[in-house]
Amino acid sequence: MERAGRRNRTLKSVLKIGLSLSLLVFVLRHVGWEEAWESLRAAQLPYLGVALLLHVAAIPVRAYRWRILLTALGTNVSLSRLTTLYFVGSFFNTFLPTGVGGDIVRIYEVGRQSGQPAAAVGTVLVDRATGILMLFLMALAALPFGYRLISPQTTWLIMCLCLAGWGGLWLILRRDWLEKWGLLRILSKVKQIEEVYEAVHACGVKAISGALAASLALNLLLIAANYFVGLSLRVHISIWYYLLFVPIISSLLALPISLSGVGVREGGYIYLLGQAGVAPPQALTMSLLVYAMNLATGCVGAVLYIVEGARGLRAPHGKAQE
């Protein structure tokens, strides 16, 4: 069974890499790598520097959001340690074909430190969810100002994603409804899943609201980073458009179908920015520059992982840092 599981994971990884390379080759052939290279050569470095600073500044904000959730469950971990784990997690997310390797590292380290693995899993899930949900809400708020910039199909997609995401969060918090419908009895059949649900529910409205507020600041940083990447390539489109397309790109990248979103990201940028009149070579270059910033963040995580080592990253079992 274990050997078969390894074969399945290897096959999935190979398929993801194959799909990513195929999509990237298709996009490059369709757009033309020469045009994309010329667009990259013309990039203005000061704007790119600002974009990179904004992108890196988002990491401590992510860590702070996670700390809000952990604190609500009585798990006290220093912000500096969580920031380090986020950098290390970005390395695994970027350079491993699983796409969730960074989350596994974060769950393992905090679960080992606190002695509460279910709390670690639950807070990582809520941490991820609040980021996506706030993006959807920001996109919905931007629709009245920018709906003319996108197709009706994209408008409906944003509305449906927002409704489904926030409706799902509301349902999770309504424990009485889940009990009434018998869903909790189903969850109780698998102890680990039940424990994770209890951890998610125990975060509470106050902590989740705080995480959503942190997500607002985080997403503004990421949207601003995209905006400055566009300025570096002389792409002058309304900021409202970034509020609309960044949530959709983030949703596409959350799908576990490619290696770090390679190919999917590029296709999304070309299609969505094309609706605002951005030329395909510029849109492709934007996507590659955003991916390069992810790679840079991952490299910082790799350095931290090597310097501190496994022993340096891990606090003693069951002892949280103040």
Protein backbone atom coordinates (compact mmCIF):
# COMPACT_ATOMS: atom_id res chain seq x y z
CA MET A 1 0.00 0.00 0.00
CA GLU A 2 2.78 2.41 0.94
CA ARG A 3 4.68 1.63 -2.26
CA ALA A 4 1.53 2.12 -4.33
CA GLY A 5 0.92 5.46 -2.58
CA ARG A 6 4.43 6.62 -3.45
CA ARG A 7 3.89 5.61 -7.08
CA ASN A 8 0.63 7.56 -7.21
CA ARG A 9 2.26 10.66 -5.72
CA THR A 10 5.15 10.37 -8.18
CA LEU A 11 2.72 9.98 -11.09
CA LYS A 12 0.74 13.04 -9.98
CA SER A 13 3.92 15.08 -9.70
CA VAL A 14 5.06 14.01 -13.18
CA LEU A 15 1.65 14.90 -14.61
CA LYS A 16 1.73 18.33 -12.95
CA ILE A 17 5.21 19.04 -14.32
CA GLY A 18 4.17 17.82 -17.75
CA LEU A 19 1.03 19.97 -17.76
CA SER A 20 2.95 23.04 -16.57
CA LEU A 21 5.61 22.67 -19.26
CA SER A 22 3.00 22.00 -21.95
CA LEU A 23 0.96 25.07 -21.00
CA LEU A 24 4.06 27.25 -20.81
CA VAL A 25 5.32 26.09 -24.21
CA PHE A 26 1.87 26.67 -25.72
CA VAL A 27 1.69 30.19 -24.28
CA LEU A 28 5.22 31.07 -25.41
CA ARG A 29 4.51 29.81 -28.93
CA HIS A 30 1.22 31.68 -29.07
CA VAL A 31 2.62 34.97 -27.75
CA GLY A 32 6.18 34.72 -28.99
CA TRP A 33 9.12 34.54 -26.62
CA GLU A 34 11.00 37.22 -28.57
CA GLU A 35 8.25 39.78 -27.95
CA ALA A 36 8.07 38.79 -24.28
CA TRP A 37 11.87 39.12 -23.98
CA GLU A 38 11.80 42.60 -25.51
CA SER A 39 9.06 43.57 -23.07
CA LEU A 40 11.16 42.27 -20.18
CA ARG A 41 14.26 44.15 -21.35
CA ALA A 42 12.28 47.39 -21.36
CA ALA A 43 11.10 46.92 -17.76
CA GLN A 44 11.76 49.86 -15.43
CA LEU A 45 13.75 48.61 -12.43
CA PRO A 46 12.59 51.20 -9.83
CA TYR A 47 8.98 50.07 -10.20
CA LEU A 48 10.08 46.44 -10.01
CA GLY A 49 11.99 47.19 -6.82
CA VAL A 50 8.88 48.65 -5.21
CA ALA A 51 6.85 45.63 -6.32
CA LEU A 52 9.39 43.24 -4.78
CA LEU A 53 9.42 45.14 -1.48
CA LEU A 54 5.62 45.00 -1.32
CA HIS A 55 5.68 41.28 -2.12
CA VAL A 56 8.20 40.53 0.64
CA ALA A 57 6.38 42.79 3.11
CA ALA A 58 3.32 40.58 2.67
CA ILE A 59 5.06 37.65 4.41
CA PRO A 60 5.05 39.12 7.96
CA VAL A 61 1.41 40.13 7.43
CA ARG A 62 0.60 36.52 6.55
CA ALA A 63 2.41 35.39 9.69
CA TYR A 64 0.50 37.92 11.82
CA ARG A 65 -2.80 36.64 10.42
CA TRP A 66 -1.84 33.07 11.33
CA ARG A 67 -0.78 34.18 14.81
CA ILE A 68 -4.23 35.69 15.45
CA LEU A 69 -5.80 32.28 14.82
CA LEU A 70 -3.24 30.33 16.84
CA THR A 71 -3.60 32.70 19.80
CA ALA A 72 -7.36 32.17 19.77
CA LEU A 73 -6.69 28.47 20.35
CA GLY A 74 -4.23 29.12 23.15
CA THR A 75 -1.12 28.42 21.07
CA ASN A 76 1.43 31.21 21.53
CA VAL A 77 4.12 31.32 18.87
CA SER A 78 6.32 34.35 18.23
CA LEU A 79 5.69 36.42 15.12
CA SER A 80 9.34 36.07 14.06
CA ARG A 81 9.13 32.28 14.14
CA LEU A 82 5.89 32.23 12.16
CA THR A 83 7.43 34.62 9.63
CA THR A 84 10.41 32.27 9.26
CA LEU A 85 8.06 29.32 8.77
CA TYR A 86 6.17 31.25 6.10
CA PHE A 87 9.39 31.99 4.22
CA VAL A 88 10.41 28.32 4.47
CA GLY A 89 6.92 27.28 3.41
CA SER A 90 7.17 29.51 0.35
CA PHE A 91 10.32 27.61 -0.65
CA PHE A 92 8.53 24.25 -0.50
CA ASN A 93 5.43 25.62 -2.25
CA THR A 94 7.49 27.11 -5.07
CA PHE A 95 10.06 24.40 -5.70
CA LEU A 96 8.14 21.19 -4.94
CA PRO A 97 5.48 19.75 -7.30
CA THR A 98 3.01 19.11 -4.48
CA GLY A 99 1.93 22.76 -4.18
CA VAL A 100 1.04 22.23 -0.52
CA GLY A 101 4.47 21.29 0.80
CA GLY A 102 4.79 24.62 2.58
CA ASP A 103 1.52 24.11 4.41
CA ILE A 104 2.66 20.67 5.54
CA VAL A 105 5.90 22.14 6.90
CA ARG A 106 4.02 24.85 8.78
CA ILE A 107 1.53 22.34 10.18
CA TYR A 108 4.25 19.93 11.25
CA GLU A 109 6.44 22.54 12.94
CA VAL A 110 3.67 24.29 14.88
CA GLY A 111 1.88 21.02 15.65
CA ARG A 112 5.10 19.57 17.06
CA GLN A 113 5.83 22.69 19.07
CA SER A 114 2.34 23.06 20.55
CA GLY A 115 1.45 19.38 20.82
CA GLN A 116 -1.83 20.23 19.06
CA PRO A 117 -1.63 19.00 15.47
CA ALA A 118 -5.37 19.46 14.89
CA ALA A 119 -5.09 23.12 15.90
CA ALA A 120 -2.18 23.56 13.49
CA VAL A 121 -4.17 22.03 10.62
CA GLY A 122 -7.32 23.98 11.45
CA THR A 123 -5.58 27.35 11.66
CA VAL A 124 -3.67 26.79 8.41
CA LEU A 125 -6.97 26.00 6.65
CA VAL A 126 -8.65 29.10 8.08
CA ASP A 127 -5.53 31.14 7.31
CA ARG A 128 -5.73 30.14 3.66
CA ALA A 129 -9.50 30.55 3.46
CA THR A 130 -9.61 34.06 4.93
CA GLY A 131 -7.13 35.28 2.32
CA ILE A 132 -9.18 33.95 -0.58
CA LEU A 133 -12.49 35.11 0.93
CA MET A 134 -11.24 38.67 1.38
CA LEU A 135 -10.00 38.72 -2.20
CA PHE A 136 -13.45 37.70 -3.39
CA LEU A 137 -15.07 40.39 -1.25
CA MET A 138 -12.69 43.05 -2.58
CA ALA A 139 -13.44 41.95 -6.15
CA LEU A 140 -17.16 42.13 -5.46
CA ALA A 141 -16.77 45.63 -4.02
CA ALA A 142 -14.83 46.67 -7.14
CA LEU A 143 -17.46 45.38 -9.58
CA PRO A 144 -19.63 48.54 -9.58
CA PHE A 145 -16.57 50.57 -10.60
CA GLY A 146 -14.92 48.16 -13.02
CA TYR A 147 -17.52 45.78 -14.43
CA ARG A 148 -17.16 47.42 -17.85
CA LEU A 149 -13.55 46.27 -17.94
CA ILE A 150 -14.41 42.58 -17.94
CA SER A 151 -16.77 40.21 -19.71
CA PRO A 152 -20.21 39.36 -18.25
CA GLN A 153 -19.01 35.77 -17.75
CA THR A 154 -16.12 36.99 -15.57
CA THR A 155 -18.50 39.20 -13.60
CA TRP A 156 -20.77 36.24 -12.87
CA LEU A 157 -17.77 34.10 -11.95
CA ILE A 158 -16.66 36.64 -9.33
CA MET A 159 -20.16 36.87 -7.88
CA CYS A 160 -20.56 33.07 -7.72
CA LEU A 161 -17.13 32.52 -6.14
CA CYS A 162 -17.83 35.20 -3.52
CA LEU A 163 -21.26 33.77 -2.70
CA ALA A 164 -19.97 30.18 -2.46
CA GLY A 165 -16.94 31.09 -0.35
CA TRP A 166 -18.69 33.30 2.18
CA GLY A 167 -21.68 30.98 2.30
CA GLY A 168 -19.35 28.09 3.13
CA LEU A 169 -17.69 30.06 5.96
CA TRP A 170 -21.08 31.02 7.42
CA LEU A 171 -22.19 27.39 7.31
CA ILE A 172 -19.05 26.16 9.07
CA LEU A 173 -19.62 28.62 11.90
CA ARG A 174 -23.25 27.52 12.29
CA ARG A 175 -22.59 24.45 14.36
CA ASP A 176 -26.28 24.14 15.29
CA TRP A 177 -27.23 23.79 11.64
CA LEU A 178 -24.58 21.13 11.03
CA GLU A 179 -25.84 19.19 14.04
CA LYS A 180 -29.44 19.53 12.88
CA TRP A 181 -28.57 18.20 9.42
CA GLY A 182 -26.53 15.34 10.86
CA LEU A 183 -23.28 16.46 9.24
CA LEU A 184 -21.38 16.45 12.52
CA ARG A 185 -22.24 12.79 13.00
CA ILE A 186 -20.62 12.08 9.66
CA LEU A 187 -17.49 14.05 10.66
CA SER A 188 -17.29 12.20 13.98
CA LYS A 189 -16.71 8.91 12.13
CA VAL A 190 -13.17 10.08 11.35
CA LYS A 191 -11.55 11.37 14.52
CA GLN A 192 -8.87 13.44 12.79
CA ILE A 193 -11.42 15.28 10.62
CA GLU A 194 -13.63 15.92 13.64
CA GLU A 195 -10.69 17.35 15.59
CA VAL A 196 -9.77 19.66 12.71
CA TYR A 197 -13.37 20.89 12.45
CA GLU A 198 -13.45 21.55 16.19
CA ALA A 199 -10.23 23.57 15.86
CA VAL A 200 -11.65 25.59 12.97
CA HIS A 201 -14.88 26.26 14.84
CA ALA A 202 -12.99 27.12 18.05
CA CYS A 203 -11.17 29.97 16.29
CA GLY A 204 -14.37 31.94 16.79
CA VAL A 205 -15.86 34.93 15.05
CA LYS A 206 -13.51 37.44 16.72
CA ALA A 207 -10.29 35.71 15.61
CA ILE A 208 -11.63 35.01 12.12
CA SER A 209 -12.66 38.67 11.82
CA GLY A 210 -9.15 39.69 12.84
CA ALA A 211 -7.71 37.30 10.25
CA LEU A 212 -9.99 38.80 7.60
CA ALA A 213 -8.79 42.30 8.52
CA ALA A 214 -5.17 41.14 8.18
CA SER A 215 -6.12 39.56 4.84
CA LEU A 216 -7.41 42.94 3.65
CA ALA A 217 -4.01 44.52 4.34
CA LEU A 218 -2.22 41.53 2.80
CA ASN A 219 -4.27 41.55 -0.39
CA LEU A 220 -3.83 45.30 -0.81
CA LEU A 221 -0.07 44.72 -0.69
CA LEU A 222 -0.24 41.95 -3.31
CA ILE A 223 -2.54 43.96 -5.58
CA ALA A 224 -0.23 46.96 -5.25
CA ALA A 225 2.72 44.71 -6.13
CA ASN A 226 0.92 43.62 -9.32
CA TYR A 227 0.12 47.26 -10.08
CA PHE A 228 3.79 48.28 -9.84
CA VAL A 229 4.84 45.30 -11.96
CA GLY A 230 2.43 46.62 -14.58
CA LEU A 231 3.87 50.13 -14.30
CA SER A 232 7.37 48.72 -14.81
CA LEU A 233 6.19 47.43 -18.18
CA ARG A 234 4.30 50.66 -18.99
CA VAL A 235 0.93 48.98 -18.47
CA HIS A 236 -1.42 51.77 -17.43
CA ILE A 237 -4.79 50.31 -16.53
CA SER A 238 -7.22 51.15 -13.75
CA ILE A 239 -6.42 49.88 -10.26
CA TRP A 240 -10.00 48.57 -10.19
CA TYR A 241 -9.03 46.03 -12.79
CA TYR A 242 -6.35 44.57 -10.53
CA LEU A 243 -8.96 44.26 -7.79
CA LEU A 244 -11.01 42.19 -10.22
CA PHE A 245 -8.46 39.92 -11.85
CA VAL A 246 -6.09 39.14 -8.95
CA PRO A 247 -8.80 37.16 -7.05
CA ILE A 248 -9.51 35.08 -10.16
CA ILE A 249 -5.80 34.37 -10.70
CA SER A 250 -5.46 33.39 -7.03
CA SER A 251 -8.38 30.99 -7.37
CA LEU A 252 -6.81 29.38 -10.45
CA LEU A 253 -3.47 28.98 -8.68
CA ALA A 254 -5.20 27.24 -5.77
CA LEU A 255 -6.14 24.38 -8.11
CA PRO A 256 -3.62 21.51 -7.66
CA ILE A 257 -3.15 20.92 -11.38
CA SER A 258 0.27 22.40 -12.14
CA LEU A 259 3.72 23.02 -10.67
CA SER A 260 3.46 26.25 -8.65
CA GLY A 261 0.81 27.49 -11.06
CA VAL A 262 3.25 27.59 -14.00
CA GLY A 263 1.31 27.77 -17.25
CA VAL A 264 -2.00 28.40 -15.50
CA ARG A 265 -0.76 31.77 -14.19
CA GLU A 266 0.51 32.85 -17.59
CA GLY A 267 -2.69 31.87 -19.38
CA GLY A 268 -4.77 33.67 -16.76
CA TYR A 269 -2.80 36.91 -17.06
CA ILE A 270 -2.95 36.88 -20.86
CA TYR A 271 -6.70 36.22 -20.97
CA LEU A 272 -7.79 38.57 -18.17
CA LEU A 273 -5.44 41.45 -18.91
CA GLY A 274 -6.30 41.09 -22.57
CA GLN A 275 -9.84 42.18 -21.69
CA ALA A 276 -8.35 45.49 -20.52
CA GLY A 277 -6.40 45.92 -23.76
CA VAL A 278 -3.00 44.74 -22.50
CA ALA A 279 -0.90 43.17 -25.25
CA PRO A 280 -0.16 39.44 -24.77
CA PRO A 281 3.65 39.90 -24.54
CA GLN A 282 3.22 42.43 -21.74
CA ALA A 283 0.69 40.25 -19.90
CA LEU A 284 2.99 37.22 -20.20
CA THR A 285 5.95 39.21 -18.92
CA MET A 286 3.87 40.45 -15.98
CA SER A 287 3.01 36.88 -15.00
CA LEU A 288 6.64 35.78 -15.26
CA LEU A 289 7.82 38.71 -13.13
CA VAL A 290 5.24 37.90 -10.45
CA TYR A 291 6.44 34.30 -10.52
CA ALA A 292 10.03 35.54 -10.25
CA MET A 293 9.08 37.37 -7.05
CA ASN A 294 7.68 34.09 -5.71
CA LEU A 295 10.96 32.41 -6.60
CA ALA A 296 12.91 35.14 -4.81
CA THR A 297 10.78 34.69 -1.68
CA GLY A 298 11.30 30.93 -1.91
CA CYS A 299 15.06 31.42 -2.16
CA VAL A 300 15.01 33.46 1.05
CA GLY A 301 13.13 30.59 2.66
CA ALA A 302 15.73 28.13 1.40
CA VAL A 303 18.53 30.19 2.94
CA LEU A 304 16.68 30.38 6.27
CA TYR A 305 16.08 26.63 6.17
CA ILE A 306 19.75 25.90 5.53
CA VAL A 307 21.11 28.44 8.04
CA GLU A 308 18.86 27.49 10.92
CA GLY A 309 18.68 23.80 10.11
CA ALA A 310 16.05 21.39 11.32
CA ARG A 311 17.03 21.88 14.96
CA GLY A 312 16.97 25.64 14.67
CA LEU A 313 13.51 25.71 13.12
CA ARG A 314 11.90 23.50 15.73
CA ALA A 315 11.10 24.52 19.25
CA PRO A 316 11.12 21.79 21.90
CA HIS A 317 8.10 19.53 21.71
CA GLY A 318 5.11 20.96 23.52
CA LYS A 319 6.84 24.24 24.43
CA ALA A 320 5.57 27.36 22.73
CA GLN A 321 7.68 30.44 22.33
CA GLU A 322 6.46 33.59 23.98
